[in-house]
Amino acid sequence: MNKTAIAGIVVSFFALGSVAAFADEVKIGIVDMQKCIQMSESGKKAKSELESAFNKKKKELQEQEASLKKQQEEYQKKKSALSETAQREQERKLQEKFMKYQEVVQRSQAEIQKKEQEMSAPIIQNVRNRVSEIAKKKGFGIVLEKNDNIVIYSEDKFDITEEVMKSLN
């Protein structure tokens, strides 16, 4: 082994040792942000408002879609009686209406997403503030979000989710 490789190995051991020492000194907490957001009164209210807005838009869009289908069916019935020019004109109009419908669908989805972001931002900030308060009070140096992709294992004694939820309601 050359001297550079040996030096790298030695530095790695020292680094691992300092990480382990750091982990021993830092108290780490866990919180399920999604649960806190969804179970808080403001989260439930926001969810209800979003569902109401979504269902209203969905109903409007279903009515528009049904109207387009009806127009398409009527055109198909009359198609054979129309001249080629009239057929092309009708198809162009139907295509235009369908494209406008698709634009309305996309705009509606964007509006719902924007509304969801606007409504959830203050709730998320409130949850974060409560997490910070509780973490400071309990002496946590770090609080991680409980997520199977991030936290593989944690002891229940480090989970502050219930305490955060109590402080929100």
Protein backbone atom coordinates (compact mmCIF):
# COMPACT_ATOMS: atom_id res chain seq x y z
CA MET A 1 0.00 0.00 0.00
CA ASN A 2 1.28 3.43 -0.73
CA LYS A 3 1.55 6.22 1.86
CA THR A 4 -1.44 8.15 0.44
CA ALA A 5 -3.79 5.18 0.81
CA ILE A 6 -2.61 4.55 4.38
CA ALA A 7 -3.07 8.23 5.25
CA GLY A 8 -6.59 8.12 3.78
CA ILE A 9 -7.50 5.10 5.88
CA VAL A 10 -6.16 6.75 9.06
CA VAL A 11 -8.11 9.96 8.35
CA SER A 12 -11.26 7.90 7.69
CA PHE A 13 -10.96 6.18 11.07
CA PHE A 14 -10.59 9.51 12.82
CA ALA A 15 -13.58 10.92 10.91
CA LEU A 16 -15.71 7.91 11.81
CA GLY A 17 -14.70 8.29 15.42
CA SER A 18 -15.71 11.96 15.48
CA VAL A 19 -19.07 11.16 13.82
CA ALA A 20 -19.73 8.53 16.47
CA ALA A 21 -18.79 10.99 19.23
CA PHE A 22 -21.06 13.60 17.65
CA ALA A 23 -23.95 11.12 17.54
CA ASP A 24 -23.45 10.35 21.23
CA GLU A 25 -23.64 14.05 22.11
CA VAL A 26 -26.58 15.10 19.93
CA LYS A 27 -30.10 14.17 20.95
CA ILE A 28 -32.17 13.35 17.87
CA GLY A 29 -35.97 13.52 17.71
CA ILE A 30 -38.49 12.20 15.22
CA VAL A 31 -41.80 13.73 14.11
CA ASP A 32 -44.45 12.56 11.66
CA MET A 33 -45.16 15.85 9.88
CA GLN A 34 -47.91 14.42 7.66
CA LYS A 35 -49.80 13.09 10.66
CA CYS A 36 -49.46 16.41 12.49
CA ILE A 37 -50.68 18.35 9.47
CA GLN A 38 -53.57 16.03 8.66
CA MET A 39 -54.77 15.60 12.25
CA SER A 40 -54.59 19.26 13.28
CA GLU A 41 -57.83 21.24 13.31
CA SER A 42 -56.48 23.65 10.68
CA GLY A 43 -55.32 20.70 8.56
CA LYS A 44 -58.73 19.04 8.74
CA LYS A 45 -60.43 22.32 7.86
CA ALA A 46 -58.10 22.89 4.90
CA LYS A 47 -58.65 19.33 3.68
CA SER A 48 -62.42 19.80 3.88
CA GLU A 49 -62.26 23.09 1.96
CA LEU A 50 -60.01 21.57 -0.68
CA GLU A 51 -62.28 18.55 -1.11
CA SER A 52 -65.28 20.85 -1.46
CA ALA A 53 -63.52 22.98 -4.09
CA PHE A 54 -62.26 19.86 -5.86
CA ASN A 55 -65.71 18.25 -5.94
CA LYS A 56 -67.28 21.46 -7.26
CA LYS A 57 -64.71 21.68 -10.07
CA LYS A 58 -65.04 17.97 -10.76
CA LYS A 59 -68.81 18.31 -11.16
CA GLU A 60 -68.40 21.26 -13.54
CA LEU A 61 -65.84 19.38 -15.61
CA GLN A 62 -67.99 16.25 -15.75
CA GLU A 63 -70.88 18.34 -17.05
CA GLN A 64 -68.66 19.87 -19.72
CA GLU A 65 -67.33 16.45 -20.68
CA ALA A 66 -70.85 15.03 -20.92
CA SER A 67 -71.86 17.95 -23.14
CA LEU A 68 -68.87 17.33 -25.43
CA LYS A 69 -69.69 13.63 -25.68
CA LYS A 70 -73.29 14.44 -26.51
CA GLN A 71 -72.19 16.85 -29.24
CA GLN A 72 -69.81 14.20 -30.59
CA GLU A 73 -72.61 11.59 -30.67
CA GLU A 74 -74.97 14.01 -32.42
CA TYR A 75 -72.30 14.77 -34.98
CA GLN A 76 -71.72 11.04 -35.61
CA LYS A 77 -75.44 10.55 -36.22
CA LYS A 78 -75.64 13.46 -38.70
CA LYS A 79 -72.23 12.93 -40.27
CA SER A 80 -73.39 10.87 -43.24
CA ALA A 81 -75.95 13.54 -44.22
CA LEU A 82 -73.38 16.34 -44.23
CA SER A 83 -71.16 17.39 -47.09
CA GLU A 84 -67.44 16.83 -46.78
CA THR A 85 -66.89 20.54 -46.12
CA ALA A 86 -69.56 20.60 -43.42
CA GLN A 87 -68.06 17.48 -41.84
CA ARG A 88 -64.62 19.08 -41.67
CA GLU A 89 -66.12 22.25 -40.19
CA GLN A 90 -68.01 20.28 -37.53
CA GLU A 91 -64.93 18.21 -36.70
CA ARG A 92 -62.85 21.39 -36.43
CA LYS A 93 -65.41 22.94 -34.06
CA LEU A 94 -65.56 19.78 -31.93
CA GLN A 95 -61.77 19.58 -31.84
CA GLU A 96 -61.60 23.23 -30.79
CA LYS A 97 -64.15 22.66 -28.01
CA PHE A 98 -62.26 19.59 -26.84
CA MET A 99 -58.97 21.52 -26.71
CA LYS A 100 -60.63 24.31 -24.71
CA TYR A 101 -62.02 21.68 -22.35
CA GLN A 102 -58.52 20.22 -21.87
CA GLU A 103 -57.19 23.71 -21.11
CA VAL A 104 -59.94 24.18 -18.51
CA VAL A 105 -59.03 20.82 -16.94
CA GLN A 106 -55.35 21.77 -16.75
CA ARG A 107 -56.16 25.22 -15.37
CA SER A 108 -58.47 23.69 -12.78
CA GLN A 109 -55.78 21.24 -11.66
CA ALA A 110 -53.28 24.08 -11.35
CA GLU A 111 -55.78 26.18 -9.35
CA ILE A 112 -56.45 23.32 -6.94
CA GLN A 113 -52.72 22.68 -6.49
CA LYS A 114 -52.08 26.39 -5.91
CA LYS A 115 -54.91 26.59 -3.40
CA GLU A 116 -53.56 23.49 -1.63
CA GLN A 117 -50.10 25.04 -1.40
CA GLU A 118 -51.51 28.36 -0.16
CA MET A 119 -53.63 26.64 2.47
CA SER A 120 -50.97 24.22 3.66
CA ALA A 121 -48.05 26.69 3.87
CA PRO A 122 -49.21 28.37 7.12
CA ILE A 123 -50.18 24.99 8.61
CA ILE A 124 -46.75 23.55 7.81
CA GLN A 125 -45.07 26.63 9.24
CA ASN A 126 -47.14 26.33 12.43
CA VAL A 127 -46.22 22.65 12.78
CA ARG A 128 -42.54 23.49 12.22
CA ASN A 129 -42.72 26.20 14.88
CA ARG A 130 -44.27 23.77 17.37
CA VAL A 131 -41.65 21.14 16.54
CA SER A 132 -38.91 23.71 17.16
CA GLU A 133 -40.42 24.76 20.49
CA ILE A 134 -40.79 21.18 21.70
CA ALA A 135 -37.35 20.18 20.40
CA LYS A 136 -35.72 23.05 22.28
CA LYS A 137 -37.67 22.25 25.44
CA LYS A 138 -36.64 18.57 25.27
CA GLY A 139 -33.05 19.31 24.32
CA PHE A 140 -33.05 17.81 20.84
CA GLY A 141 -30.23 18.97 18.59
CA ILE A 142 -31.87 17.55 15.48
CA VAL A 143 -35.43 16.52 14.62
CA LEU A 144 -35.94 14.32 11.57
CA GLU A 145 -39.17 13.77 9.71
CA LYS A 146 -40.53 10.29 10.27
CA ASN A 147 -40.34 8.80 6.81
CA ASP A 148 -39.48 5.23 5.83
CA ASN A 149 -37.01 6.52 3.22
CA ILE A 150 -35.16 8.68 5.73
CA VAL A 151 -35.55 7.07 9.16
CA ILE A 152 -35.14 3.33 9.08
CA TYR A 153 -35.52 2.85 12.82
CA SER A 154 -36.20 5.03 15.84
CA GLU A 155 -37.19 4.36 19.41
CA ASP A 156 -40.62 5.63 20.44
CA LYS A 157 -39.08 7.76 23.18
CA PHE A 158 -37.61 10.04 20.49
CA ASP A 159 -40.93 10.50 18.65
CA ILE A 160 -42.53 13.86 19.49
CA THR A 161 -45.45 13.57 17.06
CA GLU A 162 -48.16 13.20 19.74
CA GLU A 163 -46.82 16.11 21.74
CA VAL A 164 -46.74 18.31 18.64
CA MET A 165 -50.31 17.33 17.74
CA LYS A 166 -51.53 18.17 21.27
CA SER A 167 -49.89 21.58 21.05
CA LEU A 168 -51.62 22.29 17.73
CA ASN A 169 -55.20 21.68 18.90
